[in-house]
C-alpha atoms as a PDB file:
ATOM      1  CA  MET A   1       6.833 -72.165 -32.312  1.00  0.00           C
ATOM      2  CA  VAL A   2       8.638 -69.123 -33.010  1.00  0.00           C
ATOM      3  CA  LYS A   3      12.479 -68.582 -34.118  1.00  0.00           C
ATOM      4  CA  ASP A   4      14.518 -65.596 -33.417  1.00  0.00           C
ATOM      5  CA  LYS A   5      16.298 -63.814 -35.664  1.00  0.00           C
ATOM      6  CA  ASP A   6      19.359 -65.887 -35.386  1.00  0.00           C
ATOM      7  CA  ASN A   7      17.609 -69.212 -35.324  1.00  0.00           C
ATOM      8  CA  SER A   8      19.566 -70.333 -32.667  1.00  0.00           C
ATOM      9  CA  LYS A   9      16.712 -70.627 -30.042  1.00  0.00           C
ATOM     10  CA  ASN A  10      13.022 -71.689 -30.751  1.00  0.00           C
ATOM     11  CA  ILE A  11      10.545 -70.093 -28.604  1.00  0.00           C
ATOM     12  CA  ILE A  12       7.505 -72.128 -27.862  1.00  0.00           C
ATOM     13  CA  ALA A  13       4.501 -70.776 -27.944  1.00  0.00           C
ATOM     14  CA  ILE A  14       2.141 -70.894 -24.962  1.00  0.00           C
ATOM     15  CA  PRO A  15      -1.340 -72.381 -25.782  1.00  0.00           C
ATOM     16  CA  GLU A  16      -3.946 -69.631 -25.309  1.00  0.00           C
ATOM     17  CA  GLU A  17      -5.843 -71.812 -22.398  1.00  0.00           C
ATOM     18  CA  VAL A  18      -2.820 -72.069 -20.699  1.00  0.00           C
ATOM     19  CA  ILE A  19      -2.737 -68.360 -20.558  1.00  0.00           C
ATOM     20  CA  MET A  20      -5.982 -67.840 -19.846  1.00  0.00           C
ATOM     21  CA  SER A  21      -5.867 -69.880 -16.775  1.00  0.00           C
ATOM     22  CA  LYS A  22      -3.287 -67.421 -15.537  1.00  0.00           C
ATOM     23  CA  ILE A  23      -5.566 -64.575 -15.841  1.00  0.00           C
ATOM     24  CA  TYR A  24      -7.095 -63.654 -12.124  1.00  0.00           C
ATOM     25  CA  PHE A  25      -9.739 -60.904 -11.262  1.00  0.00           C
ATOM     26  CA  ILE A  26      -8.055 -59.074  -8.448  1.00  0.00           C
ATOM     27  CA  ARG A  27      -9.316 -55.456  -7.346  1.00  0.00           C
ATOM     28  CA  GLY A  28     -12.093 -55.259 -10.151  1.00  0.00           C
ATOM     29  CA  GLN A  29      -9.432 -55.874 -12.839  1.00  0.00           C
ATOM     30  CA  LYS A  30      -8.015 -58.726 -14.647  1.00  0.00           C
ATOM     31  CA  VAL A  31      -4.319 -59.418 -13.861  1.00  0.00           C
ATOM     32  CA  MET A  32      -1.456 -61.799 -14.160  1.00  0.00           C
ATOM     33  CA  ILE A  33       0.783 -62.219 -11.314  1.00  0.00           C
ATOM     34  CA  ASP A  34       4.462 -62.168 -11.271  1.00  0.00           C
ATOM     35  CA  ARG A  35       5.301 -65.752 -10.706  1.00  0.00           C
ATOM     36  CA  ASP A  36       3.213 -67.020 -13.619  1.00  0.00           C
ATOM     37  CA  LEU A  37       4.973 -64.568 -15.940  1.00  0.00           C
ATOM     38  CA  ALA A  38       8.493 -65.311 -14.929  1.00  0.00           C
ATOM     39  CA  GLU A  39       7.508 -68.997 -15.651  1.00  0.00           C
ATOM     40  CA  PHE A  40       6.545 -67.962 -19.142  1.00  0.00           C
ATOM     41  CA  TYR A  41       9.432 -66.153 -19.732  1.00  0.00           C
ATOM     42  CA  GLY A  42      11.814 -68.435 -18.312  1.00  0.00           C
ATOM     43  CA  VAL A  43      13.371 -66.473 -15.566  1.00  0.00           C
ATOM     44  CA  GLN A  44      12.910 -66.443 -11.762  1.00  0.00           C
ATOM     45  CA  THR A  45      10.366 -64.711 -10.173  1.00  0.00           C
ATOM     46  CA  LYS A  46      13.301 -62.836  -8.105  1.00  0.00           C
ATOM     47  CA  VAL A  47      14.848 -61.858 -11.275  1.00  0.00           C
ATOM     48  CA  LEU A  48      11.520 -60.534 -12.843  1.00  0.00           C
ATOM     49  CA  LYS A  49      10.854 -58.615  -9.246  1.00  0.00           C
ATOM     50  CA  GLN A  50      14.341 -56.993  -9.229  1.00  0.00           C
ATOM     51  CA  ALA A  51      14.056 -55.566 -12.645  1.00  0.00           C
ATOM     52  CA  VAL A  52      10.723 -54.313 -12.005  1.00  0.00           C
ATOM     53  CA  LYS A  53      11.662 -52.746  -8.812  1.00  0.00           C
ATOM     54  CA  ARG A  54      14.968 -51.216 -10.763  1.00  0.00           C
ATOM     55  CA  ASN A  55      12.374 -49.630 -13.136  1.00  0.00           C
ATOM     56  CA  ILE A  56       9.299 -48.955 -10.513  1.00  0.00           C
ATOM     57  CA  GLU A  57       8.880 -45.423 -12.495  1.00  0.00           C
ATOM     58  CA  ARG A  58       7.539 -47.558 -15.911  1.00  0.00           C
ATOM     59  CA  PHE A  59       4.818 -49.347 -13.492  1.00  0.00           C
ATOM     60  CA  PRO A  60       2.320 -47.090 -12.284  1.00  0.00           C
ATOM     61  CA  GLU A  61      -0.657 -48.425 -10.197  1.00  0.00           C
ATOM     62  CA  ASP A  62      -2.493 -48.716 -13.457  1.00  0.00           C
ATOM     63  CA  PHE A  63       0.131 -51.145 -14.753  1.00  0.00           C
ATOM     64  CA  MET A  64       1.069 -53.097 -11.647  1.00  0.00           C
ATOM     65  CA  PHE A  65       0.323 -53.123  -8.114  1.00  0.00           C
ATOM     66  CA  GLU A  66       1.267 -55.457  -5.381  1.00  0.00           C
ATOM     67  CA  MET A  67      -1.331 -57.598  -3.409  1.00  0.00           C
ATOM     68  CA  THR A  68      -2.114 -56.719  -0.084  1.00  0.00           C
ATOM     69  CA  LYS A  69      -1.367 -59.327   2.811  1.00  0.00           C
ATOM     70  CA  GLU A  70      -5.462 -59.964   2.754  1.00  0.00           C
ATOM     71  CA  GLU A  71      -5.875 -59.981  -0.666  1.00  0.00           C
ATOM     72  CA  PHE A  72      -2.677 -62.366  -0.695  1.00  0.00           C
ATOM     73  CA  GLU A  73      -3.888 -64.852   1.776  1.00  0.00           C
ATOM     74  CA  ASP A  74      -7.385 -65.184   0.047  1.00  0.00           C
ATOM     75  CA  TRP A  75      -5.920 -65.447  -3.337  1.00  0.00           C
ATOM     76  CA  ARG A  76      -3.653 -68.196  -1.982  1.00  0.00           C
ATOM     77  CA  SER A  77      -6.593 -70.075  -0.539  1.00  0.00           C
ATOM     78  CA  GLN A  78      -8.709 -69.923  -3.467  1.00  0.00           C
ATOM     79  CA  PHE A  79      -6.197 -71.020  -6.219  1.00  0.00           C
ATOM     80  CA  VAL A  80      -3.178 -72.665  -4.590  1.00  0.00           C
ATOM     81  CA  THR A  81      -3.441 -76.175  -3.530  1.00  0.00           C
ATOM     82  CA  SER A  82      -0.386 -78.425  -3.643  1.00  0.00           C
ATOM     83  CA  LYS A  83       2.717 -77.737  -1.309  1.00  0.00           C
ATOM     84  CA  SER A  84       4.909 -77.328  -4.144  1.00  0.00           C
ATOM     85  CA  ASP A  85       2.957 -74.175  -5.464  1.00  0.00           C
ATOM     86  CA  MET A  86       2.696 -72.974  -1.697  1.00  0.00           C
ATOM     87  CA  MET A  87       6.699 -72.580  -1.782  1.00  0.00           C
ATOM     88  CA  GLY A  88       6.971 -70.357  -4.420  1.00  0.00           C
ATOM     89  CA  LEU A  89       4.484 -67.939  -3.069  1.00  0.00           C
ATOM     90  CA  ARG A  90       6.061 -66.891   0.391  1.00  0.00           C
ATOM     91  CA  TYR A  91       5.647 -63.179  -0.709  1.00  0.00           C
ATOM     92  CA  ALA A  92       2.803 -61.278  -1.887  1.00  0.00           C
ATOM     93  CA  PRO A  93       3.121 -61.169  -5.727  1.00  0.00           C
ATOM     94  CA  PHE A  94       3.081 -58.416  -8.345  1.00  0.00           C
ATOM     95  CA  CYS A  95       0.118 -58.130 -10.255  1.00  0.00           C
ATOM     96  CA  PHE A  96       0.291 -56.741 -13.754  1.00  0.00           C
ATOM     97  CA  THR A  97      -2.723 -55.387 -15.989  1.00  0.00           C
ATOM     98  CA  ASN A  98      -3.287 -55.689 -19.361  1.00  0.00           C
ATOM     99  CA  ILE A  99      -1.306 -52.604 -19.932  1.00  0.00           C
ATOM    100  CA  GLY A 100       1.441 -53.510 -17.393  1.00  0.00           C
ATOM    101  CA  VAL A 101       2.128 -56.925 -18.888  1.00  0.00           C
ATOM    102  CA  PRO A 102       3.541 -55.482 -22.268  1.00  0.00           C
ATOM    103  CA  GLN A 103       5.524 -52.780 -20.381  1.00  0.00           C
ATOM    104  CA  LEU A 104       7.655 -55.603 -18.977  1.00  0.00           C
ATOM    105  CA  SER A 105       9.280 -56.532 -22.125  1.00  0.00           C
ATOM    106  CA  THR A 106      10.789 -53.092 -21.898  1.00  0.00           C
ATOM    107  CA  VAL A 107      12.564 -54.365 -18.950  1.00  0.00           C
ATOM    108  CA  LEU A 108      12.922 -57.981 -19.603  1.00  0.00           C
ATOM    109  CA  LYS A 109      14.693 -57.195 -23.297  1.00  0.00           C
ATOM    110  CA  SER A 110      14.986 -60.856 -24.186  1.00  0.00           C
ATOM    111  CA  LYS A 111      13.353 -61.906 -27.333  1.00  0.00           C
ATOM    112  CA  LYS A 112      11.377 -64.583 -25.413  1.00  0.00           C
ATOM    113  CA  ALA A 113       9.761 -61.922 -23.284  1.00  0.00           C
ATOM    114  CA  ILE A 114       8.834 -59.881 -26.138  1.00  0.00           C
ATOM    115  CA  MET A 115       7.225 -62.908 -28.049  1.00  0.00           C
ATOM    116  CA  ILE A 116       5.360 -64.261 -24.976  1.00  0.00           C
ATOM    117  CA  ASN A 117       4.236 -60.565 -24.177  1.00  0.00           C
ATOM    118  CA  LEU A 118       2.863 -60.655 -27.868  1.00  0.00           C
ATOM    119  CA  GLN A 119       0.838 -63.648 -27.205  1.00  0.00           C
ATOM    120  CA  ILE A 120      -0.421 -62.580 -23.814  1.00  0.00           C
ATOM    121  CA  MET A 121      -1.827 -59.222 -25.251  1.00  0.00           C
ATOM    122  CA  ARG A 122      -3.629 -61.331 -27.779  1.00  0.00           C
ATOM    123  CA  VAL A 123      -5.430 -63.298 -25.362  1.00  0.00           C
ATOM    124  CA  PHE A 124      -5.932 -60.211 -23.397  1.00  0.00           C
ATOM    125  CA  ASN A 125      -7.563 -58.766 -26.340  1.00  0.00           C
ATOM    126  CA  LYS A 126      -9.467 -61.834 -27.502  1.00  0.00           C
ATOM    127  CA  MET A 127     -10.999 -61.878 -23.825  1.00  0.00           C
ATOM    128  CA  MET A 128     -12.125 -58.408 -24.440  1.00  0.00           C
ATOM    129  CA  VAL A 129     -13.699 -59.169 -27.489  1.00  0.00           C
ATOM    130  CA  MET A 130     -15.463 -62.179 -26.101  1.00  0.00           C
ATOM    131  CA  LEU A 131     -16.799 -60.369 -23.057  1.00  0.00           C
ATOM    132  CA  ALA A 132     -18.133 -57.340 -25.258  1.00  0.00           C
ATOM    133  CA  THR A 133     -19.756 -60.409 -27.385  1.00  0.00           C
ATOM    134  CA  GLN A 134     -21.323 -61.732 -24.312  1.00  0.00           C
ATOM    135  CA  LYS A 135     -22.700 -58.411 -23.131  1.00  0.00           C
ATOM    136  CA  GLU A 136     -24.205 -58.057 -26.195  1.00  0.00           C
ATOM    137  CA  ILE A 137     -25.902 -61.229 -26.396  1.00  0.00           C
ATOM    138  CA  LEU A 138     -27.180 -60.422 -22.612  1.00  0.00           C
ATOM    139  CA  GLN A 139     -28.307 -57.041 -23.623  1.00  0.00           C
ATOM    140  CA  LYS A 140     -30.567 -58.847 -26.505  1.00  0.00           C
ATOM    141  CA  LEU A 141     -31.927 -61.758 -23.978  1.00  0.00           C
ATOM    142  CA  GLU A 142     -32.874 -58.778 -21.624  1.00  0.00           C
ATOM    143  CA  GLN A 143     -34.712 -57.289 -24.671  1.00  0.00           C
ATOM    144  CA  LEU A 144     -36.560 -60.376 -25.660  1.00  0.00           C
ATOM    145  CA  GLN A 145     -37.350 -61.220 -22.078  1.00  0.00           C
ATOM    146  CA  ARG A 146     -38.921 -57.503 -21.954  1.00  0.00           C
ATOM    147  CA  ASN A 147     -40.697 -58.133 -25.137  1.00  0.00           C
ATOM    148  CA  ASP A 148     -41.920 -61.552 -23.710  1.00  0.00           C
ATOM    149  CA  ILE A 149     -43.320 -59.683 -20.601  1.00  0.00           C
ATOM    150  CA  GLU A 150     -45.116 -57.139 -22.546  1.00  0.00           C
ATOM    151  CA  GLN A 151     -46.790 -59.670 -24.726  1.00  0.00           C
ATOM    152  CA  ASP A 152     -47.661 -61.837 -21.708  1.00  0.00           C
ATOM    153  CA  LYS A 153     -49.176 -58.742 -20.311  1.00  0.00           C
ATOM    154  CA  LYS A 154     -51.286 -58.115 -23.743  1.00  0.00           C
ATOM    155  CA  ILE A 155     -52.440 -61.953 -23.820  1.00  0.00           C
ATOM    156  CA  MET A 156     -53.414 -61.441 -19.925  1.00  0.00           C
ATOM    157  CA  LEU A 157     -55.532 -58.266 -20.938  1.00  0.00           C
ATOM    158  CA  ILE A 158     -57.116 -60.176 -23.931  1.00  0.00           C
ATOM    159  CA  PHE A 159     -58.119 -63.169 -21.809  1.00  0.00           C
ATOM    160  CA  GLU A 160     -59.577 -60.459 -19.053  1.00  0.00           C
ATOM    161  CA  TYR A 161     -61.658 -59.157 -21.741  1.00  0.00           C
ATOM    162  CA  LEU A 162     -62.967 -62.421 -22.908  1.00  0.00           C
ATOM    163  CA  LYS A 163     -63.640 -63.126 -19.419  1.00  0.00           C
ATOM    164  CA  GLN A 164     -65.720 -60.163 -19.206  1.00  0.00           C
ATOM    165  CA  PHE A 165     -67.324 -60.471 -22.438  1.00  0.00           C
ATOM    166  CA  GLU A 166     -68.254 -64.317 -21.491  1.00  0.00           C
ATOM    167  CA  GLU A 167     -69.746 -62.888 -18.218  1.00  0.00           C
ATOM    168  CA  ALA A 168     -72.003 -60.184 -20.045  1.00  0.00           C
ATOM    169  CA  LYS A 169     -72.908 -62.954 -22.403  1.00  0.00           C
ATOM    170  CA  GLN A 170     -73.836 -65.246 -19.785  1.00  0.00           C
ATOM    171  CA  LEU A 171     -75.773 -62.480 -17.792  1.00  0.00           C
ATOM    172  CA  GLN A 172     -77.880 -61.613 -20.886  1.00  0.00           C
ATOM    173  CA  SER A 173     -78.412 -65.116 -21.438  1.00  0.00           C
ATOM    174  CA  ASN A 174     -79.810 -65.724 -17.871  1.00  0.00           C
ATOM    175  CA  GLN A 175     -81.844 -62.691 -18.640  1.00  0.00           C
ATOM    176  CA  GLU A 176     -83.656 -64.126 -21.666  1.00  0.00           C
ATOM    177  CA  ASN A 177     -84.012 -67.645 -20.153  1.00  0.00           C
ATOM    178  CA  ARG A 178     -85.571 -66.436 -16.645  1.00  0.00           C
ATOM    179  CA  LYS A 179     -89.180 -67.429 -15.919  1.00  0.00           C
ATOM    180  CA  ARG A 180     -91.305 -64.548 -16.448  1.00  0.00           C
ATOM    181  CA  ILE A 181     -93.568 -63.293 -13.774  1.00  0.00           C
ATOM    182  CA  GLY A 182     -96.219 -61.066 -13.908  1.00  0.00           C
ATOM    183  CA  PHE A 183     -99.501 -60.252 -16.004  1.00  0.00           C
ATOM    184  CA  LYS A 184     -99.236 -62.062 -19.130  1.00  0.00           C
ATOM    185  CA  GLY A 185    -101.500 -60.538 -21.872  1.00  0.00           C
ATOM    186  CA  ASP A 186    -103.221 -62.395 -24.773  1.00  0.00           C
END
């Protein structure tokens, strides 16, 4: 819990897991939708959207975009199941990117919005670090797999040489042990 400077209100920290569960992958990027952000900030979605529309020049396409009708229907069918959730989703939501979320604190000037934005930015950053670590691990696994394949090829080559050697040895043994025919001298 974080107290603001006049200690009159307490701002409850949101668990990272809750924030992470509200980050979606849309148009190839991680975004948060207006409804979830409004809930975190303790304002109505309508109020958040109005503040953004009044300051639309602060939200270029790489900061915020509105879902298309098709994206909205697809997203709604995947993530929203209860009727109460459907009630709050009559219009396509605004989607805020990891650089658009902090911009909200410039139009929603409450202490709570600023504190929540700091939390969300930390979660986005943590996710980026985890993603980078995951990519590094995958690269190392691929390298190990390539090394393993190379070792398998070398082992197969050794077995092939051993097989050829054994065949040559068997052929030589057969030559030495075959019955001699022809003139035998004393």
